[in-house]
Amino acid sequence: MGAKSQGKEQLPVNKAQYLTFFTAGEEYAVVIAKVREIIEYDTVTTVPNTPPWISGVTNLRGKVIPVVDLAVKFGMQPSRISKFSCIIVTDVMFQGESITMGVLSDAVSQVIDLSADEIEKTPPFGTRVKTEYLLGMGVMGKKFCLILDIDKVLSADEMLAVTESVDEADNGAGSDAATKSGPAKQSHFEAGA
């Protein structure tokens, strides 16, 4: 009897939990372990000279967090802000460091459990997202969700642009010294700062 109750409390080893959310009418999923929290969409400050897929930065309890619009990143129209819009705060690995950033979402859907046999390989066609950004397609009844490899969604060059945008926001946005300091940009994120 005790073994049965233990099995209900713990997922089998081959299952993982994913948070599903909508962006530009598509349902995506990310491993729940990468999600720090979900916050209501509030003030996002635009930072000059950043790529168009960076919506700006937001203040999360005194910490500057870059906010990425995946719709723009994936070549679609920018996300429209509604009462359901939110920011999914994630931890992304970049050059061995954990970087906290926000992902703009049209709406959060649910947390799902998927086993390895419920994840299909990504077909080489039919998706607007580059296949290297995807871990696969989660089977959800009759439909699928695209499972993002959140660590690969941003390339090294793009992560440097994110780092620069946060540093510019921290330094009063846009001084020449702030934009030309190069490798020092990465130090802002050391030790989870």
N, C-alpha and C. Protein backbone atom coordinates (compact mmCIF):
# COMPACT_ATOMS: atom_id res chain seq x y z
N MET A 1 0.82 -1.19 0.00
CA MET A 1 0.00 0.00 0.00
C MET A 1 0.86 1.26 0.00
N GLY A 2 1.94 1.24 0.79
CA GLY A 2 2.85 2.38 0.81
C GLY A 2 3.55 2.59 -0.52
N ALA A 3 3.83 1.52 -1.25
CA ALA A 3 4.50 1.62 -2.55
C ALA A 3 3.63 2.31 -3.56
N LYS A 4 2.30 2.09 -3.49
CA LYS A 4 1.39 2.72 -4.44
C LYS A 4 1.35 4.23 -4.22
N SER A 5 1.28 4.66 -2.97
CA SER A 5 1.22 6.10 -2.71
C SER A 5 2.53 6.78 -3.09
N GLN A 6 3.65 6.08 -2.93
CA GLN A 6 4.93 6.66 -3.35
C GLN A 6 4.95 6.86 -4.85
N GLY A 7 4.44 5.91 -5.61
CA GLY A 7 4.44 6.00 -7.06
C GLY A 7 3.62 7.17 -7.57
N LYS A 8 2.56 7.53 -6.86
CA LYS A 8 1.72 8.64 -7.29
C LYS A 8 2.40 9.99 -7.03
N GLU A 9 3.24 10.04 -6.01
CA GLU A 9 3.89 11.30 -5.65
C GLU A 9 5.09 11.60 -6.55
N GLN A 10 5.70 10.58 -7.10
CA GLN A 10 6.90 10.78 -7.90
C GLN A 10 6.65 10.35 -9.33
N LEU A 11 7.20 11.11 -10.27
CA LEU A 11 7.10 10.74 -11.67
C LEU A 11 8.06 9.60 -11.96
N PRO A 12 7.68 8.70 -12.87
CA PRO A 12 8.65 7.69 -13.28
C PRO A 12 9.89 8.36 -13.87
N VAL A 13 11.02 7.67 -13.79
CA VAL A 13 12.29 8.23 -14.22
C VAL A 13 12.25 8.72 -15.67
N ASN A 14 11.48 8.05 -16.53
CA ASN A 14 11.47 8.41 -17.95
C ASN A 14 10.48 9.52 -18.28
N LYS A 15 9.84 10.13 -17.29
CA LYS A 15 8.91 11.23 -17.52
C LYS A 15 9.55 12.55 -17.09
N ALA A 16 9.14 13.61 -17.76
CA ALA A 16 9.58 14.96 -17.39
C ALA A 16 8.39 15.89 -17.46
N GLN A 17 8.45 16.99 -16.72
CA GLN A 17 7.38 17.98 -16.74
C GLN A 17 7.79 19.14 -17.63
N TYR A 18 6.80 19.68 -18.35
CA TYR A 18 7.00 20.79 -19.27
C TYR A 18 5.92 21.83 -19.03
N LEU A 19 6.30 23.10 -19.13
CA LEU A 19 5.34 24.20 -19.10
C LEU A 19 4.99 24.51 -20.53
N THR A 20 3.70 24.53 -20.86
CA THR A 20 3.29 24.89 -22.22
C THR A 20 2.76 26.32 -22.23
N PHE A 21 3.02 27.02 -23.32
CA PHE A 21 2.59 28.40 -23.46
C PHE A 21 2.37 28.72 -24.92
N PHE A 22 1.65 29.81 -25.18
CA PHE A 22 1.35 30.22 -26.55
C PHE A 22 2.14 31.46 -26.94
N THR A 23 2.66 31.44 -28.15
CA THR A 23 3.29 32.60 -28.77
C THR A 23 2.89 32.58 -30.23
N ALA A 24 2.30 33.67 -30.71
CA ALA A 24 1.89 33.83 -32.11
C ALA A 24 1.03 32.65 -32.58
N GLY A 25 0.11 32.21 -31.73
CA GLY A 25 -0.82 31.16 -32.10
C GLY A 25 -0.27 29.74 -32.05
N GLU A 26 1.02 29.57 -31.74
CA GLU A 26 1.63 28.25 -31.65
C GLU A 26 1.82 27.89 -30.18
N GLU A 27 1.67 26.61 -29.88
CA GLU A 27 1.91 26.15 -28.50
C GLU A 27 3.31 25.57 -28.39
N TYR A 28 4.07 26.12 -27.45
CA TYR A 28 5.44 25.69 -27.20
C TYR A 28 5.52 25.11 -25.79
N ALA A 29 6.59 24.39 -25.53
CA ALA A 29 6.81 23.85 -24.19
C ALA A 29 8.28 24.02 -23.84
N VAL A 30 8.55 24.15 -22.56
CA VAL A 30 9.91 24.24 -22.06
C VAL A 30 9.98 23.38 -20.80
N VAL A 31 11.12 22.73 -20.60
CA VAL A 31 11.29 21.89 -19.42
C VAL A 31 11.06 22.74 -18.17
N ILE A 32 10.21 22.25 -17.28
CA ILE A 32 9.81 23.03 -16.10
C ILE A 32 11.01 23.36 -15.22
N ALA A 33 12.04 22.54 -15.24
CA ALA A 33 13.23 22.81 -14.43
C ALA A 33 13.94 24.10 -14.86
N LYS A 34 13.71 24.55 -16.09
CA LYS A 34 14.33 25.78 -16.59
C LYS A 34 13.51 27.02 -16.22
N VAL A 35 12.30 26.82 -15.72
CA VAL A 35 11.40 27.94 -15.42
C VAL A 35 11.58 28.34 -13.96
N ARG A 36 11.94 29.59 -13.76
CA ARG A 36 12.10 30.10 -12.40
C ARG A 36 10.76 30.55 -11.84
N GLU A 37 10.02 31.31 -12.64
CA GLU A 37 8.70 31.79 -12.23
C GLU A 37 7.99 32.39 -13.43
N ILE A 38 6.71 32.65 -13.25
CA ILE A 38 5.90 33.31 -14.27
C ILE A 38 5.38 34.59 -13.65
N ILE A 39 5.60 35.71 -14.33
CA ILE A 39 5.14 36.99 -13.79
C ILE A 39 4.18 37.65 -14.77
N GLU A 40 3.31 38.46 -14.23
CA GLU A 40 2.38 39.21 -15.05
C GLU A 40 3.17 40.21 -15.90
N TYR A 41 2.72 40.41 -17.14
CA TYR A 41 3.40 41.39 -17.99
C TYR A 41 3.19 42.76 -17.38
N ASP A 42 4.29 43.45 -17.17
CA ASP A 42 4.22 44.80 -16.61
C ASP A 42 5.10 45.69 -17.47
N THR A 43 5.70 46.66 -16.90
CA THR A 43 6.52 47.60 -17.64
C THR A 43 7.76 46.92 -18.21
N VAL A 44 7.93 47.03 -19.52
CA VAL A 44 9.15 46.58 -20.18
C VAL A 44 9.75 47.81 -20.84
N THR A 45 10.96 48.16 -20.45
CA THR A 45 11.64 49.35 -20.95
C THR A 45 12.46 49.00 -22.18
N THR A 46 12.21 49.69 -23.27
CA THR A 46 12.96 49.47 -24.50
C THR A 46 14.38 50.00 -24.32
N VAL A 47 15.35 49.24 -24.81
CA VAL A 47 16.75 49.64 -24.73
C VAL A 47 17.23 49.90 -26.16
N PRO A 48 17.80 51.07 -26.44
CA PRO A 48 18.26 51.38 -27.80
C PRO A 48 19.35 50.42 -28.27
N ASN A 49 19.45 50.28 -29.58
CA ASN A 49 20.52 49.50 -30.24
C ASN A 49 20.54 48.04 -29.84
N THR A 50 19.38 47.45 -29.60
CA THR A 50 19.30 46.02 -29.34
C THR A 50 18.57 45.36 -30.50
N PRO A 51 18.78 44.07 -30.69
CA PRO A 51 18.08 43.37 -31.78
C PRO A 51 16.56 43.49 -31.60
N PRO A 52 15.81 43.41 -32.69
CA PRO A 52 14.36 43.59 -32.59
C PRO A 52 13.65 42.55 -31.74
N TRP A 53 14.24 41.37 -31.57
CA TRP A 53 13.59 40.32 -30.77
C TRP A 53 13.75 40.54 -29.27
N ILE A 54 14.55 41.53 -28.86
CA ILE A 54 14.62 41.89 -27.44
C ILE A 54 13.60 43.01 -27.22
N SER A 55 12.52 42.66 -26.52
CA SER A 55 11.47 43.65 -26.26
C SER A 55 11.98 44.78 -25.37
N GLY A 56 12.92 44.44 -24.52
CA GLY A 56 13.48 45.42 -23.59
C GLY A 56 13.90 44.72 -22.31
N VAL A 57 13.86 45.45 -21.22
CA VAL A 57 14.23 44.90 -19.92
C VAL A 57 13.11 45.20 -18.93
N THR A 58 13.02 44.36 -17.91
CA THR A 58 12.04 44.60 -16.84
C THR A 58 12.75 44.45 -15.50
N ASN A 59 12.13 45.01 -14.49
CA ASN A 59 12.69 44.98 -13.15
C ASN A 59 12.02 43.84 -12.38
N LEU A 60 12.81 42.87 -11.98
CA LEU A 60 12.31 41.75 -11.19
C LEU A 60 12.95 41.83 -9.80
N ARG A 61 12.21 42.44 -8.88
CA ARG A 61 12.70 42.63 -7.50
C ARG A 61 14.11 43.23 -7.45
N GLY A 62 14.32 44.29 -8.23
CA GLY A 62 15.58 45.02 -8.22
C GLY A 62 16.62 44.50 -9.19
N LYS A 63 16.32 43.43 -9.91
CA LYS A 63 17.26 42.87 -10.88
C LYS A 63 16.76 43.14 -12.30
N VAL A 64 17.65 43.59 -13.17
CA VAL A 64 17.29 43.87 -14.55
C VAL A 64 17.30 42.57 -15.34
N ILE A 65 16.16 42.25 -15.97
CA ILE A 65 15.99 41.01 -16.72
C ILE A 65 15.66 41.35 -18.17
N PRO A 66 16.43 40.85 -19.14
CA PRO A 66 16.07 41.07 -20.54
C PRO A 66 14.83 40.24 -20.88
N VAL A 67 13.98 40.79 -21.74
CA VAL A 67 12.75 40.11 -22.15
C VAL A 67 12.81 39.89 -23.66
N VAL A 68 12.68 38.62 -24.06
CA VAL A 68 12.78 38.22 -25.46
C VAL A 68 11.38 37.92 -26.00
N ASP A 69 11.08 38.46 -27.17
CA ASP A 69 9.83 38.14 -27.87
C ASP A 69 10.13 37.01 -28.85
N LEU A 70 9.75 35.78 -28.52
CA LEU A 70 10.04 34.64 -29.37
C LEU A 70 9.38 34.75 -30.74
N ALA A 71 8.22 35.42 -30.81
CA ALA A 71 7.55 35.58 -32.10
C ALA A 71 8.48 36.29 -33.08
N VAL A 72 9.11 37.38 -32.65
CA VAL A 72 10.04 38.12 -33.51
C VAL A 72 11.28 37.28 -33.77
N LYS A 73 11.77 36.61 -32.76
CA LYS A 73 12.95 35.75 -32.89
C LYS A 73 12.73 34.68 -33.96
N PHE A 74 11.50 34.16 -34.04
CA PHE A 74 11.17 33.11 -34.99
C PHE A 74 10.65 33.65 -36.32
N GLY A 75 10.76 34.98 -36.54
CA GLY A 75 10.41 35.56 -37.83
C GLY A 75 8.94 35.87 -38.03
N MET A 76 8.19 36.01 -36.94
CA MET A 76 6.77 36.32 -37.02
C MET A 76 6.53 37.76 -36.57
N GLN A 77 5.27 38.16 -36.61
CA GLN A 77 4.90 39.50 -36.15
C GLN A 77 5.12 39.60 -34.63
N PRO A 78 5.47 40.78 -34.13
CA PRO A 78 5.66 40.94 -32.69
C PRO A 78 4.41 40.54 -31.90
N SER A 79 4.62 40.04 -30.71
CA SER A 79 3.50 39.64 -29.86
C SER A 79 2.65 40.85 -29.49
N ARG A 80 1.35 40.63 -29.46
CA ARG A 80 0.43 41.68 -29.00
C ARG A 80 0.22 41.48 -27.50
N ILE A 81 0.27 42.57 -26.79
CA ILE A 81 0.10 42.50 -25.34
C ILE A 81 -1.40 42.49 -25.03
N SER A 82 -1.81 41.52 -24.20
CA SER A 82 -3.21 41.41 -23.79
C SER A 82 -3.25 41.16 -22.28
N LYS A 83 -4.46 40.99 -21.74
CA LYS A 83 -4.57 40.73 -20.30
C LYS A 83 -4.01 39.36 -19.93
N PHE A 84 -3.78 38.47 -20.92
CA PHE A 84 -3.22 37.16 -20.66
C PHE A 84 -1.70 37.11 -20.84
N SER A 85 -1.12 38.18 -21.38
CA SER A 85 0.33 38.21 -21.61
C SER A 85 1.08 38.09 -20.30
N CYS A 86 2.20 37.37 -20.35
CA CYS A 86 3.02 37.21 -19.16
C CYS A 86 4.47 37.01 -19.59
N ILE A 87 5.33 37.03 -18.62
CA ILE A 87 6.76 36.81 -18.85
C ILE A 87 7.16 35.55 -18.09
N ILE A 88 7.71 34.60 -18.83
CA ILE A 88 8.20 33.37 -18.23
C ILE A 88 9.68 33.60 -17.92
N VAL A 89 10.01 33.64 -16.65
CA VAL A 89 11.39 33.89 -16.23
C VAL A 89 12.12 32.55 -16.24
N THR A 90 13.17 32.47 -17.06
CA THR A 90 13.89 31.22 -17.25
C THR A 90 15.36 31.38 -16.90
N ASP A 91 16.00 30.25 -16.64
CA ASP A 91 17.44 30.20 -16.44
C ASP A 91 18.04 29.53 -17.67
N VAL A 92 18.88 30.26 -18.38
CA VAL A 92 19.50 29.77 -19.61
C VAL A 92 20.99 29.62 -19.38
N MET A 93 21.56 28.53 -19.85
CA MET A 93 23.01 28.31 -19.74
C MET A 93 23.72 28.95 -20.93
N PHE A 94 24.73 29.77 -20.65
CA PHE A 94 25.53 30.41 -21.68
C PHE A 94 26.98 30.42 -21.21
N GLN A 95 27.85 29.75 -21.95
CA GLN A 95 29.27 29.66 -21.62
C GLN A 95 29.49 29.22 -20.17
N GLY A 96 28.71 28.22 -19.74
CA GLY A 96 28.87 27.68 -18.40
C GLY A 96 28.24 28.50 -17.29
N GLU A 97 27.64 29.61 -17.63
CA GLU A 97 26.99 30.47 -16.63
C GLU A 97 25.48 30.40 -16.79
N SER A 98 24.77 30.52 -15.69
CA SER A 98 23.32 30.58 -15.73
C SER A 98 22.89 32.04 -15.84
N ILE A 99 22.10 32.33 -16.86
CA ILE A 99 21.63 33.69 -17.11
C ILE A 99 20.11 33.69 -16.95
N THR A 100 19.59 34.64 -16.18
CA THR A 100 18.15 34.77 -16.01
C THR A 100 17.62 35.72 -17.06
N MET A 101 16.59 35.26 -17.77
CA MET A 101 15.97 36.12 -18.77
C MET A 101 14.48 35.81 -18.86
N GLY A 102 13.75 36.74 -19.42
CA GLY A 102 12.31 36.57 -19.56
C GLY A 102 11.93 36.26 -20.99
N VAL A 103 10.91 35.42 -21.14
CA VAL A 103 10.37 35.09 -22.45
C VAL A 103 8.93 35.58 -22.46
N LEU A 104 8.61 36.47 -23.41
CA LEU A 104 7.28 37.02 -23.53
C LEU A 104 6.34 35.94 -24.06
N SER A 105 5.22 35.77 -23.41
CA SER A 105 4.24 34.74 -23.79
C SER A 105 2.87 35.38 -23.94
N ASP A 106 2.12 34.93 -24.97
CA ASP A 106 0.74 35.42 -25.14
C ASP A 106 -0.15 34.88 -24.03
N ALA A 107 0.12 33.66 -23.59
CA ALA A 107 -0.63 33.03 -22.50
C ALA A 107 0.08 31.76 -22.08
N VAL A 108 0.04 31.46 -20.79
CA VAL A 108 0.55 30.19 -20.30
C VAL A 108 -0.60 29.20 -20.36
N SER A 109 -0.31 27.98 -20.76
CA SER A 109 -1.36 26.99 -20.93
C SER A 109 -1.45 26.05 -19.73
N GLN A 110 -0.46 25.15 -19.58
CA GLN A 110 -0.53 24.14 -18.53
C GLN A 110 0.84 23.51 -18.29
N VAL A 111 0.92 22.72 -17.24
CA VAL A 111 2.10 21.89 -17.00
C VAL A 111 1.70 20.47 -17.39
N ILE A 112 2.53 19.85 -18.24
CA ILE A 112 2.23 18.50 -18.70
C ILE A 112 3.38 17.56 -18.36
N ASP A 113 3.06 16.29 -18.22
CA ASP A 113 4.06 15.24 -18.03
C ASP A 113 4.19 14.50 -19.36
N LEU A 114 5.41 14.38 -19.85
CA LEU A 114 5.66 13.64 -21.09
C LEU A 114 6.74 12.61 -20.85
N SER A 115 6.49 11.41 -21.32
CA SER A 115 7.52 10.37 -21.29
C SER A 115 8.27 10.41 -22.62
N ALA A 116 9.39 9.73 -22.68
CA ALA A 116 10.21 9.73 -23.89
C ALA A 116 9.43 9.26 -25.10
N ASP A 117 8.51 8.29 -24.93
CA ASP A 117 7.76 7.79 -26.08
C ASP A 117 6.62 8.72 -26.49
N GLU A 118 6.38 9.79 -25.72
CA GLU A 118 5.37 10.79 -26.09
C GLU A 118 6.02 12.01 -26.76
N ILE A 119 7.30 11.92 -27.04
CA ILE A 119 8.01 13.01 -27.73
C ILE A 119 8.48 12.49 -29.08
N GLU A 120 7.97 13.12 -30.14
CA GLU A 120 8.32 12.74 -31.51
C GLU A 120 9.49 13.58 -31.98
N LYS A 121 10.25 13.03 -32.93
CA LYS A 121 11.32 13.82 -33.55
C LYS A 121 10.70 14.98 -34.31
N THR A 122 11.44 16.07 -34.37
CA THR A 122 10.96 17.23 -35.11
C THR A 122 11.11 16.98 -36.60
N PRO A 123 10.02 17.15 -37.37
CA PRO A 123 10.16 16.95 -38.81
C PRO A 123 11.00 18.07 -39.41
N PRO A 124 11.70 17.81 -40.52
CA PRO A 124 12.53 18.85 -41.12
C PRO A 124 11.73 19.89 -41.90
N PHE A 125 10.41 19.86 -41.78
CA PHE A 125 9.56 20.79 -42.52
C PHE A 125 8.37 21.18 -41.64
N GLY A 126 7.64 22.22 -42.06
CA GLY A 126 6.37 22.54 -41.44
C GLY A 126 6.41 23.34 -40.16
N THR A 127 7.54 23.79 -39.70
CA THR A 127 7.60 24.62 -38.50
C THR A 127 8.37 25.89 -38.80
N ARG A 128 7.95 26.98 -38.18
CA ARG A 128 8.61 28.27 -38.39
C ARG A 128 9.90 28.39 -37.58
N VAL A 129 10.07 27.47 -36.65
CA VAL A 129 11.22 27.51 -35.75
C VAL A 129 12.34 26.64 -36.32
N LYS A 130 13.57 27.15 -36.24
CA LYS A 130 14.72 26.34 -36.67
C LYS A 130 14.75 25.04 -35.87
N THR A 131 14.99 23.94 -36.56
CA THR A 131 14.94 22.64 -35.88
C THR A 131 16.00 22.50 -34.79
N GLU A 132 17.12 23.22 -34.89
CA GLU A 132 18.13 23.12 -33.83
C GLU A 132 17.65 23.75 -32.52
N TYR A 133 16.57 24.54 -32.55
CA TYR A 133 16.00 25.12 -31.34
C TYR A 133 15.05 24.16 -30.64
N LEU A 134 14.74 23.03 -31.27
CA LEU A 134 13.71 22.13 -30.76
C LEU A 134 14.29 20.82 -30.23
N LEU A 135 13.71 20.34 -29.12
CA LEU A 135 14.05 19.03 -28.59
C LEU A 135 13.15 17.97 -29.21
N GLY A 136 12.00 18.38 -29.72
CA GLY A 136 11.05 17.47 -30.32
C GLY A 136 9.66 18.05 -30.27
N MET A 137 8.68 17.19 -30.54
CA MET A 137 7.27 17.59 -30.52
C MET A 137 6.55 16.72 -29.51
N GLY A 138 5.94 17.36 -28.52
CA GLY A 138 5.21 16.62 -27.50
C GLY A 138 3.83 16.26 -27.97
N VAL A 139 3.45 15.00 -27.80
CA VAL A 139 2.13 14.53 -28.19
C VAL A 139 1.15 14.88 -27.07
N MET A 140 0.15 15.68 -27.42
CA MET A 140 -0.88 16.11 -26.46
C MET A 140 -2.24 15.72 -27.04
N GLY A 141 -2.59 14.46 -26.91
CA GLY A 141 -3.84 13.98 -27.49
C GLY A 141 -3.74 13.98 -29.00
N LYS A 142 -4.59 14.80 -29.66
CA LYS A 142 -4.59 14.87 -31.13
C LYS A 142 -3.68 15.97 -31.66
N LYS A 143 -3.10 16.76 -30.77
CA LYS A 143 -2.25 17.86 -31.23
C LYS A 143 -0.84 17.71 -30.66
N PHE A 144 0.04 18.60 -31.12
CA PHE A 144 1.44 18.60 -30.70
C PHE A 144 1.80 19.96 -30.13
N CYS A 145 2.82 19.98 -29.27
CA CYS A 145 3.44 21.24 -28.88
C CYS A 145 4.92 21.12 -29.22
N LEU A 146 5.51 22.22 -29.60
CA LEU A 146 6.93 22.24 -29.95
C LEU A 146 7.74 22.44 -28.68
N ILE A 147 8.62 21.48 -28.38
CA ILE A 147 9.42 21.54 -27.15
C ILE A 147 10.72 22.27 -27.46
N LEU A 148 10.89 23.44 -26.84
CA LEU A 148 12.06 24.28 -27.09
C LEU A 148 13.25 23.83 -26.26
N ASP A 149 14.42 23.87 -26.89
CA ASP A 149 15.68 23.74 -26.15
C ASP A 149 16.08 25.17 -25.81
N ILE A 150 15.64 25.63 -24.66
CA ILE A 150 15.77 27.05 -24.31
C ILE A 150 17.23 27.49 -24.28
N ASP A 151 18.16 26.57 -24.01
CA ASP A 151 19.57 26.93 -24.02
C ASP A 151 20.09 27.20 -25.43
N LYS A 152 19.45 26.63 -26.45
CA LYS A 152 19.91 26.82 -27.83
C LYS A 152 19.12 27.87 -28.59
N VAL A 153 18.01 28.32 -28.01
CA VAL A 153 17.18 29.30 -28.71
C VAL A 153 17.99 30.55 -29.05
N LEU A 154 18.93 30.89 -28.18
CA LEU A 154 19.78 32.06 -28.43
C LEU A 154 21.20 31.61 -28.71
N SER A 155 21.76 32.08 -29.80
CA SER A 155 23.14 31.75 -30.14
C SER A 155 24.10 32.63 -29.34
N ALA A 156 25.38 32.33 -29.42
CA ALA A 156 26.39 33.08 -28.66
C ALA A 156 26.37 34.57 -28.99
N ASP A 157 26.31 34.92 -30.26
CA ASP A 157 26.29 36.34 -30.65
C ASP A 157 25.06 37.04 -30.09
N GLU A 158 23.93 36.33 -30.14
CA GLU A 158 22.69 36.93 -29.65
C GLU A 158 22.72 37.09 -28.14
N MET A 159 23.33 36.14 -27.43
CA MET A 159 23.43 36.27 -25.98
C MET A 159 24.28 37.47 -25.59
N LEU A 160 25.32 37.75 -26.37
CA LEU A 160 26.13 38.94 -26.11
C LEU A 160 25.29 40.20 -26.28
N ALA A 161 24.39 40.19 -27.27
CA ALA A 161 23.51 41.34 -27.47
C ALA A 161 22.58 41.51 -26.27
N VAL A 162 22.07 40.42 -25.72
CA VAL A 162 21.23 40.47 -24.54
C VAL A 162 22.02 41.05 -23.37
N THR A 163 23.25 40.57 -23.20
CA THR A 163 24.09 41.03 -22.11
C THR A 163 24.33 42.52 -22.23
N GLU A 164 24.60 43.00 -23.45
CA GLU A 164 24.82 44.42 -23.67
C GLU A 164 23.57 45.22 -23.32
N SER A 165 22.39 44.71 -23.67
CA SER A 165 21.16 45.45 -23.39
C SER A 165 20.94 45.61 -21.90
N VAL A 166 21.25 44.56 -21.13
CA VAL A 166 21.09 44.64 -19.68
C VAL A 166 22.11 45.61 -19.09
N ASP A 167 23.35 45.54 -19.55
CA ASP A 167 24.37 46.45 -19.04
C ASP A 167 24.03 47.90 -19.37
N GLU A 168 23.50 48.16 -20.58
CA GLU A 168 23.11 49.52 -20.94
C GLU A 168 22.01 50.01 -20.01
N ALA A 169 21.05 49.13 -19.71
CA ALA A 169 19.97 49.52 -18.81
C ALA A 169 20.52 49.80 -17.41
N ASP A 170 21.45 48.98 -16.96
CA ASP A 170 22.06 49.19 -15.64
C ASP A 170 22.87 50.48 -15.60
N ASN A 171 23.50 50.86 -16.72
CA ASN A 171 24.37 52.03 -16.76
C ASN A 171 23.68 53.29 -17.27
N GLY A 172 22.38 53.31 -17.32
CA GLY A 172 21.69 54.51 -17.76
C GLY A 172 21.50 54.53 -19.25
N ALA A 173 21.62 53.41 -19.93
CA ALA A 173 21.31 53.23 -21.35
C ALA A 173 22.16 54.06 -22.28
N GLY A 174 23.14 53.40 -22.85
CA GLY A 174 23.72 53.90 -24.07
C GLY A 174 24.99 54.69 -24.05
N SER A 175 25.72 54.82 -22.96
CA SER A 175 26.97 55.55 -23.06
C SER A 175 27.95 54.74 -23.89
N ASP A 176 28.88 55.42 -24.60
CA ASP A 176 29.85 54.73 -25.44
C ASP A 176 30.69 53.76 -24.62
N ALA A 177 31.06 54.13 -23.42
CA ALA A 177 31.86 53.24 -22.58
C ALA A 177 31.10 51.96 -22.29
N ALA A 178 29.80 52.08 -22.08
CA ALA A 178 29.00 50.89 -21.76
C ALA A 178 28.88 49.96 -22.96
N THR A 179 28.84 50.49 -24.18
CA THR A 179 28.63 49.64 -25.34
C THR A 179 29.93 49.11 -25.92
N LYS A 180 31.08 49.62 -25.49
CA LYS A 180 32.34 49.18 -26.08
C LYS A 180 33.20 48.35 -25.13
N SER A 181 32.64 47.97 -23.99
CA SER A 181 33.49 47.29 -23.03
C SER A 181 33.69 45.81 -23.31
N GLY A 182 33.02 45.25 -24.31
CA GLY A 182 33.28 43.89 -24.79
C GLY A 182 33.10 42.81 -23.76
N PRO A 183 34.14 42.00 -23.49
CA PRO A 183 34.01 40.84 -22.62
C PRO A 183 33.52 41.15 -21.21
N ALA A 184 33.71 42.35 -20.75
CA ALA A 184 33.25 42.70 -19.41
C ALA A 184 31.73 42.58 -19.29
N LYS A 185 31.02 42.57 -20.41
CA LYS A 185 29.58 42.46 -20.39
C LYS A 185 29.12 41.18 -19.70
N GLN A 186 29.86 40.11 -19.86
CA GLN A 186 29.46 38.83 -19.34
C GLN A 186 29.56 38.79 -17.82
N SER A 187 30.39 39.61 -17.23
CA SER A 187 30.59 39.56 -15.79
C SER A 187 29.32 39.94 -15.01
N HIS A 188 28.42 40.68 -15.64
CA HIS A 188 27.17 41.07 -14.98
C HIS A 188 26.38 39.86 -14.51
N PHE A 189 26.50 38.76 -15.24
CA PHE A 189 25.70 37.59 -14.95
C PHE A 189 26.40 36.58 -14.06
N GLU A 190 27.63 36.85 -13.66
CA GLU A 190 28.36 35.89 -12.84
C GLU A 190 27.66 35.72 -11.49
N ALA A 191 27.72 34.53 -10.99
CA ALA A 191 27.15 34.17 -9.68
C ALA A 191 25.68 34.51 -9.59
N GLY A 192 24.97 34.43 -10.76
CA GLY A 192 23.54 34.64 -10.77
C GLY A 192 23.11 36.07 -10.53
N ALA A 193 24.04 37.02 -10.70
CA ALA A 193 23.71 38.43 -10.44
C ALA A 193 22.75 38.97 -11.43
